[in-house]
Amino acid sequence: MITLEQVHQLYGRQVHGPDGDMIGTVAQVWDDGVGHPAWAGVRTSRFGFGKRLVPLHDAALHDGRLVVPFTRALVLEAPRISALDDDPLSRADVVRLNRHYRLPLLGRR
C-alpha cells in the first residue's frame, strides 16, 4: 500500500504489472476524498496521449518502480474518466473504476 509520505516519489516512476511488463509512468495521483492516495494516473503511451487510472491499493514501490497487481491489458481496458488532473474524481468515475478492477466500493475509494 502506498502511503501519503510516498506520493511525491511516484511522479515519473515506471509502473509495472505483476508479470513485470511496463504499463506506463505515473503522471498524477488522486486521493480517496479523505487524504489517502487511492489512484495513479498512468501515461500509457510515449506521447502522453493515453492515460488510465490504476488503484494504489496493494501497489508498492520496489526497486524504483511502482508495482501494481494488475496486468497491462487490464489497465489499458480501464474506463476513461472525466476528471482533469486537478479535479477530484466523481462518484460515477470511482464506481466505474472499482467495477472494472473488481474492487469493493468503500467510501470514495
N, C-alpha and C. Protein backbone atom coordinates (compact mmCIF):
# COMPACT_ATOMS: atom_id res chain seq x y z
N MET A 1 0.85 -1.18 0.00
CA MET A 1 0.00 0.00 0.00
C MET A 1 0.89 1.24 0.00
N ILE A 2 0.52 2.21 -0.78
CA ILE A 2 1.26 3.46 -0.88
C ILE A 2 0.78 4.40 0.22
N THR A 3 1.73 4.99 0.92
CA THR A 3 1.40 5.92 1.99
C THR A 3 1.41 7.36 1.48
N LEU A 4 0.83 8.24 2.26
CA LEU A 4 0.83 9.66 1.92
C LEU A 4 2.25 10.19 1.77
N GLU A 5 3.15 9.70 2.60
CA GLU A 5 4.54 10.14 2.56
C GLU A 5 5.25 9.71 1.27
N GLN A 6 4.76 8.68 0.60
CA GLN A 6 5.39 8.17 -0.61
C GLN A 6 4.86 8.82 -1.89
N VAL A 7 3.78 9.57 -1.80
CA VAL A 7 3.14 10.11 -3.00
C VAL A 7 4.13 10.91 -3.85
N HIS A 8 4.92 11.76 -3.25
CA HIS A 8 5.85 12.59 -4.04
C HIS A 8 6.87 11.75 -4.79
N GLN A 9 7.12 10.53 -4.35
CA GLN A 9 8.07 9.65 -5.02
C GLN A 9 7.48 8.97 -6.26
N LEU A 10 6.17 9.03 -6.42
CA LEU A 10 5.52 8.30 -7.50
C LEU A 10 5.63 8.98 -8.86
N TYR A 11 5.62 10.31 -8.88
CA TYR A 11 5.58 11.04 -10.15
C TYR A 11 6.78 10.70 -11.03
N GLY A 12 6.48 10.31 -12.27
CA GLY A 12 7.51 9.97 -13.23
C GLY A 12 8.04 8.54 -13.12
N ARG A 13 7.60 7.81 -12.10
CA ARG A 13 8.05 6.41 -11.93
C ARG A 13 7.39 5.51 -12.96
N GLN A 14 8.14 4.51 -13.38
CA GLN A 14 7.57 3.48 -14.23
C GLN A 14 6.60 2.64 -13.41
N VAL A 15 5.53 2.21 -14.06
CA VAL A 15 4.54 1.34 -13.44
C VAL A 15 4.63 -0.02 -14.13
N HIS A 16 4.75 -1.06 -13.31
CA HIS A 16 4.86 -2.43 -13.83
C HIS A 16 3.77 -3.30 -13.23
N GLY A 17 3.30 -4.25 -14.03
CA GLY A 17 2.31 -5.21 -13.56
C GLY A 17 2.98 -6.37 -12.86
N PRO A 18 2.19 -7.33 -12.39
CA PRO A 18 2.73 -8.47 -11.64
C PRO A 18 3.62 -9.37 -12.49
N ASP A 19 3.45 -9.30 -13.81
CA ASP A 19 4.25 -10.11 -14.72
C ASP A 19 5.54 -9.40 -15.14
N GLY A 20 5.76 -8.19 -14.63
CA GLY A 20 6.96 -7.42 -14.95
C GLY A 20 6.82 -6.51 -16.15
N ASP A 21 5.72 -6.63 -16.89
CA ASP A 21 5.51 -5.77 -18.06
C ASP A 21 5.32 -4.33 -17.63
N MET A 22 5.98 -3.42 -18.37
CA MET A 22 5.80 -2.00 -18.08
C MET A 22 4.44 -1.55 -18.62
N ILE A 23 3.72 -0.83 -17.78
CA ILE A 23 2.40 -0.32 -18.14
C ILE A 23 2.50 1.13 -18.59
N GLY A 24 3.35 1.92 -17.94
CA GLY A 24 3.49 3.32 -18.26
C GLY A 24 4.23 4.04 -17.15
N THR A 25 3.99 5.35 -17.04
CA THR A 25 4.62 6.15 -15.99
C THR A 25 3.56 6.96 -15.25
N VAL A 26 3.81 7.20 -13.97
CA VAL A 26 2.85 7.94 -13.14
C VAL A 26 2.88 9.42 -13.50
N ALA A 27 1.70 9.96 -13.80
CA ALA A 27 1.57 11.37 -14.14
C ALA A 27 0.78 12.15 -13.10
N GLN A 28 -0.07 11.46 -12.35
CA GLN A 28 -0.95 12.13 -11.40
C GLN A 28 -1.36 11.15 -10.31
N VAL A 29 -1.70 11.67 -9.14
CA VAL A 29 -2.21 10.84 -8.05
C VAL A 29 -3.47 11.49 -7.50
N TRP A 30 -4.51 10.69 -7.34
CA TRP A 30 -5.77 11.16 -6.74
C TRP A 30 -5.93 10.50 -5.38
N ASP A 31 -6.55 11.25 -4.46
CA ASP A 31 -6.81 10.66 -3.14
C ASP A 31 -8.23 10.10 -3.09
N ASP A 32 -8.55 9.51 -1.96
CA ASP A 32 -9.85 8.85 -1.80
C ASP A 32 -10.92 9.78 -1.24
N GLY A 33 -10.63 11.05 -1.17
CA GLY A 33 -11.59 12.01 -0.64
C GLY A 33 -11.35 12.36 0.81
N VAL A 34 -10.52 11.58 1.49
CA VAL A 34 -10.16 11.88 2.88
C VAL A 34 -8.65 11.97 3.06
N GLY A 35 -7.92 12.06 1.94
CA GLY A 35 -6.49 12.31 2.01
C GLY A 35 -5.56 11.13 1.80
N HIS A 36 -6.11 9.94 1.59
CA HIS A 36 -5.25 8.77 1.37
C HIS A 36 -5.06 8.56 -0.13
N PRO A 37 -3.82 8.30 -0.58
CA PRO A 37 -3.61 8.06 -2.01
C PRO A 37 -4.41 6.84 -2.47
N ALA A 38 -5.18 7.00 -3.54
CA ALA A 38 -6.06 5.91 -3.98
C ALA A 38 -5.86 5.50 -5.44
N TRP A 39 -5.55 6.46 -6.31
CA TRP A 39 -5.45 6.18 -7.74
C TRP A 39 -4.24 6.87 -8.34
N ALA A 40 -3.57 6.19 -9.26
CA ALA A 40 -2.47 6.80 -10.02
C ALA A 40 -2.93 6.95 -11.46
N GLY A 41 -2.75 8.15 -12.00
CA GLY A 41 -2.98 8.37 -13.42
C GLY A 41 -1.70 7.97 -14.15
N VAL A 42 -1.79 6.98 -15.01
CA VAL A 42 -0.62 6.40 -15.65
C VAL A 42 -0.64 6.72 -17.15
N ARG A 43 0.43 7.36 -17.62
CA ARG A 43 0.56 7.60 -19.06
C ARG A 43 0.97 6.27 -19.69
N THR A 44 0.15 5.82 -20.62
CA THR A 44 0.37 4.50 -21.21
C THR A 44 0.98 4.56 -22.60
N SER A 45 1.25 5.76 -23.09
CA SER A 45 1.90 5.88 -24.40
C SER A 45 3.08 6.83 -24.30
N ARG A 46 4.00 6.67 -25.22
CA ARG A 46 5.19 7.52 -25.22
C ARG A 46 4.86 9.00 -25.34
N PHE A 47 3.80 9.29 -26.03
CA PHE A 47 3.48 10.68 -26.33
C PHE A 47 2.53 11.30 -25.32
N GLY A 48 2.14 10.54 -24.32
CA GLY A 48 1.32 11.07 -23.24
C GLY A 48 -0.15 11.20 -23.56
N PHE A 49 -0.59 10.65 -24.71
CA PHE A 49 -1.99 10.79 -25.09
C PHE A 49 -2.89 9.84 -24.31
N GLY A 50 -2.40 8.67 -23.99
CA GLY A 50 -3.21 7.71 -23.25
C GLY A 50 -2.93 7.80 -21.77
N LYS A 51 -3.97 7.93 -20.98
CA LYS A 51 -3.81 7.92 -19.53
C LYS A 51 -4.94 7.10 -18.93
N ARG A 52 -4.57 6.18 -18.07
CA ARG A 52 -5.54 5.34 -17.39
C ARG A 52 -5.29 5.42 -15.89
N LEU A 53 -6.34 5.21 -15.12
CA LEU A 53 -6.19 5.19 -13.66
C LEU A 53 -6.00 3.76 -13.17
N VAL A 54 -5.09 3.64 -12.21
CA VAL A 54 -4.76 2.35 -11.60
C VAL A 54 -4.91 2.50 -10.09
N PRO A 55 -5.58 1.56 -9.45
CA PRO A 55 -5.71 1.63 -7.99
C PRO A 55 -4.35 1.50 -7.31
N LEU A 56 -4.16 2.26 -6.26
CA LEU A 56 -2.93 2.16 -5.47
C LEU A 56 -3.07 1.15 -4.34
N HIS A 57 -4.27 0.61 -4.16
CA HIS A 57 -4.49 -0.44 -3.18
C HIS A 57 -3.65 -1.65 -3.60
N ASP A 58 -2.84 -2.15 -2.71
CA ASP A 58 -1.94 -3.28 -2.96
C ASP A 58 -0.79 -2.95 -3.91
N ALA A 59 -0.55 -1.68 -4.22
CA ALA A 59 0.61 -1.28 -5.01
C ALA A 59 1.79 -1.06 -4.06
N ALA A 60 3.00 -1.14 -4.62
CA ALA A 60 4.20 -0.96 -3.79
C ALA A 60 5.32 -0.39 -4.64
N LEU A 61 6.18 0.40 -4.00
CA LEU A 61 7.41 0.84 -4.64
C LEU A 61 8.44 -0.26 -4.44
N HIS A 62 9.04 -0.68 -5.55
CA HIS A 62 10.03 -1.75 -5.49
C HIS A 62 11.11 -1.48 -6.53
N ASP A 63 12.35 -1.35 -6.08
CA ASP A 63 13.48 -1.08 -6.99
C ASP A 63 13.22 0.13 -7.88
N GLY A 64 12.65 1.19 -7.32
CA GLY A 64 12.42 2.42 -8.07
C GLY A 64 11.23 2.39 -9.00
N ARG A 65 10.43 1.34 -8.93
CA ARG A 65 9.25 1.20 -9.78
C ARG A 65 8.01 1.09 -8.92
N LEU A 66 6.88 1.48 -9.49
CA LEU A 66 5.60 1.24 -8.84
C LEU A 66 5.07 -0.08 -9.41
N VAL A 67 4.88 -1.05 -8.54
CA VAL A 67 4.39 -2.36 -8.97
C VAL A 67 2.94 -2.49 -8.52
N VAL A 68 2.07 -2.79 -9.48
CA VAL A 68 0.64 -2.93 -9.21
C VAL A 68 0.21 -4.36 -9.52
N PRO A 69 -0.85 -4.84 -8.87
CA PRO A 69 -1.29 -6.22 -9.09
C PRO A 69 -2.26 -6.37 -10.27
N PHE A 70 -2.06 -5.54 -11.30
CA PHE A 70 -2.95 -5.56 -12.47
C PHE A 70 -2.11 -5.64 -13.73
N THR A 71 -2.55 -6.41 -14.70
CA THR A 71 -1.81 -6.55 -15.95
C THR A 71 -1.96 -5.30 -16.81
N ARG A 72 -1.03 -5.15 -17.74
CA ARG A 72 -1.09 -4.04 -18.69
C ARG A 72 -2.41 -4.08 -19.46
N ALA A 73 -2.82 -5.27 -19.88
CA ALA A 73 -4.06 -5.39 -20.65
C ALA A 73 -5.26 -4.89 -19.86
N LEU A 74 -5.34 -5.25 -18.59
CA LEU A 74 -6.46 -4.80 -17.76
C LEU A 74 -6.44 -3.29 -17.59
N VAL A 75 -5.26 -2.72 -17.38
CA VAL A 75 -5.15 -1.27 -17.22
C VAL A 75 -5.56 -0.55 -18.50
N LEU A 76 -5.12 -1.07 -19.64
CA LEU A 76 -5.46 -0.42 -20.91
C LEU A 76 -6.96 -0.49 -21.21
N GLU A 77 -7.65 -1.45 -20.63
CA GLU A 77 -9.09 -1.58 -20.82
C GLU A 77 -9.90 -0.75 -19.81
N ALA A 78 -9.23 -0.10 -18.87
CA ALA A 78 -9.92 0.67 -17.83
C ALA A 78 -10.72 1.80 -18.47
N PRO A 79 -11.87 2.13 -17.89
CA PRO A 79 -12.68 3.21 -18.45
C PRO A 79 -11.97 4.55 -18.34
N ARG A 80 -12.19 5.37 -19.33
CA ARG A 80 -11.66 6.74 -19.26
C ARG A 80 -12.49 7.51 -18.24
N ILE A 81 -11.85 8.47 -17.61
CA ILE A 81 -12.54 9.23 -16.58
C ILE A 81 -12.73 10.67 -17.03
N SER A 82 -13.67 11.35 -16.39
CA SER A 82 -13.99 12.72 -16.79
C SER A 82 -13.16 13.77 -16.06
N ALA A 83 -12.50 13.41 -14.97
CA ALA A 83 -11.75 14.38 -14.16
C ALA A 83 -10.47 14.81 -14.87
N LEU A 84 -10.19 16.09 -14.78
CA LEU A 84 -8.90 16.60 -15.24
C LEU A 84 -7.90 16.42 -14.10
N ASP A 85 -6.63 16.68 -14.36
CA ASP A 85 -5.58 16.42 -13.37
C ASP A 85 -5.83 17.06 -12.01
N ASP A 86 -6.40 18.25 -11.99
CA ASP A 86 -6.58 18.94 -10.71
C ASP A 86 -7.97 18.75 -10.11
N ASP A 87 -8.83 18.04 -10.81
CA ASP A 87 -10.20 17.82 -10.34
C ASP A 87 -10.29 16.55 -9.50
N PRO A 88 -11.17 16.54 -8.51
CA PRO A 88 -11.41 15.28 -7.79
C PRO A 88 -12.17 14.31 -8.70
N LEU A 89 -12.04 13.04 -8.42
CA LEU A 89 -12.79 12.03 -9.17
C LEU A 89 -14.26 12.11 -8.79
N SER A 90 -15.11 11.95 -9.76
CA SER A 90 -16.55 11.93 -9.47
C SER A 90 -16.91 10.57 -8.88
N ARG A 91 -18.02 10.54 -8.19
CA ARG A 91 -18.52 9.28 -7.63
C ARG A 91 -18.75 8.26 -8.75
N ALA A 92 -19.28 8.72 -9.88
CA ALA A 92 -19.53 7.82 -11.01
C ALA A 92 -18.23 7.22 -11.55
N ASP A 93 -17.17 8.05 -11.63
CA ASP A 93 -15.88 7.54 -12.09
C ASP A 93 -15.34 6.48 -11.14
N VAL A 94 -15.44 6.74 -9.85
CA VAL A 94 -14.94 5.79 -8.84
C VAL A 94 -15.70 4.47 -8.94
N VAL A 95 -17.00 4.55 -9.11
CA VAL A 95 -17.81 3.33 -9.23
C VAL A 95 -17.40 2.54 -10.46
N ARG A 96 -17.25 3.22 -11.60
CA ARG A 96 -16.85 2.54 -12.84
C ARG A 96 -15.48 1.91 -12.71
N LEU A 97 -14.54 2.62 -12.11
CA LEU A 97 -13.19 2.09 -11.95
C LEU A 97 -13.16 0.91 -10.99
N ASN A 98 -13.88 1.02 -9.88
CA ASN A 98 -13.93 -0.09 -8.93
C ASN A 98 -14.54 -1.33 -9.57
N ARG A 99 -15.57 -1.16 -10.35
CA ARG A 99 -16.17 -2.30 -11.05
C ARG A 99 -15.17 -2.93 -12.02
N HIS A 100 -14.47 -2.09 -12.77
CA HIS A 100 -13.51 -2.59 -13.74
C HIS A 100 -12.42 -3.43 -13.06
N TYR A 101 -11.88 -2.91 -11.97
CA TYR A 101 -10.80 -3.61 -11.27
C TYR A 101 -11.32 -4.62 -10.24
N ARG A 102 -12.64 -4.75 -10.16
CA ARG A 102 -13.29 -5.69 -9.23
C ARG A 102 -12.88 -5.43 -7.79
N LEU A 103 -12.94 -4.16 -7.42
CA LEU A 103 -12.62 -3.74 -6.06
C LEU A 103 -13.91 -3.40 -5.33
N PRO A 104 -13.93 -3.59 -4.02
CA PRO A 104 -15.11 -3.18 -3.25
C PRO A 104 -15.21 -1.66 -3.24
N LEU A 105 -16.41 -1.16 -3.22
CA LEU A 105 -16.62 0.28 -3.16
C LEU A 105 -16.78 0.68 -1.71
N LEU A 106 -15.74 1.29 -1.18
CA LEU A 106 -15.74 1.72 0.22
C LEU A 106 -15.58 3.23 0.26
N GLY A 107 -16.56 3.92 0.74
CA GLY A 107 -16.48 5.37 0.79
C GLY A 107 -16.26 5.92 -0.61
N ARG A 108 -15.27 6.78 -0.78
CA ARG A 108 -14.96 7.35 -2.09
C ARG A 108 -13.77 6.67 -2.72
N ARG A 109 -13.28 5.60 -2.16
CA ARG A 109 -12.10 4.90 -2.71
C ARG A 109 -12.42 4.27 -4.02
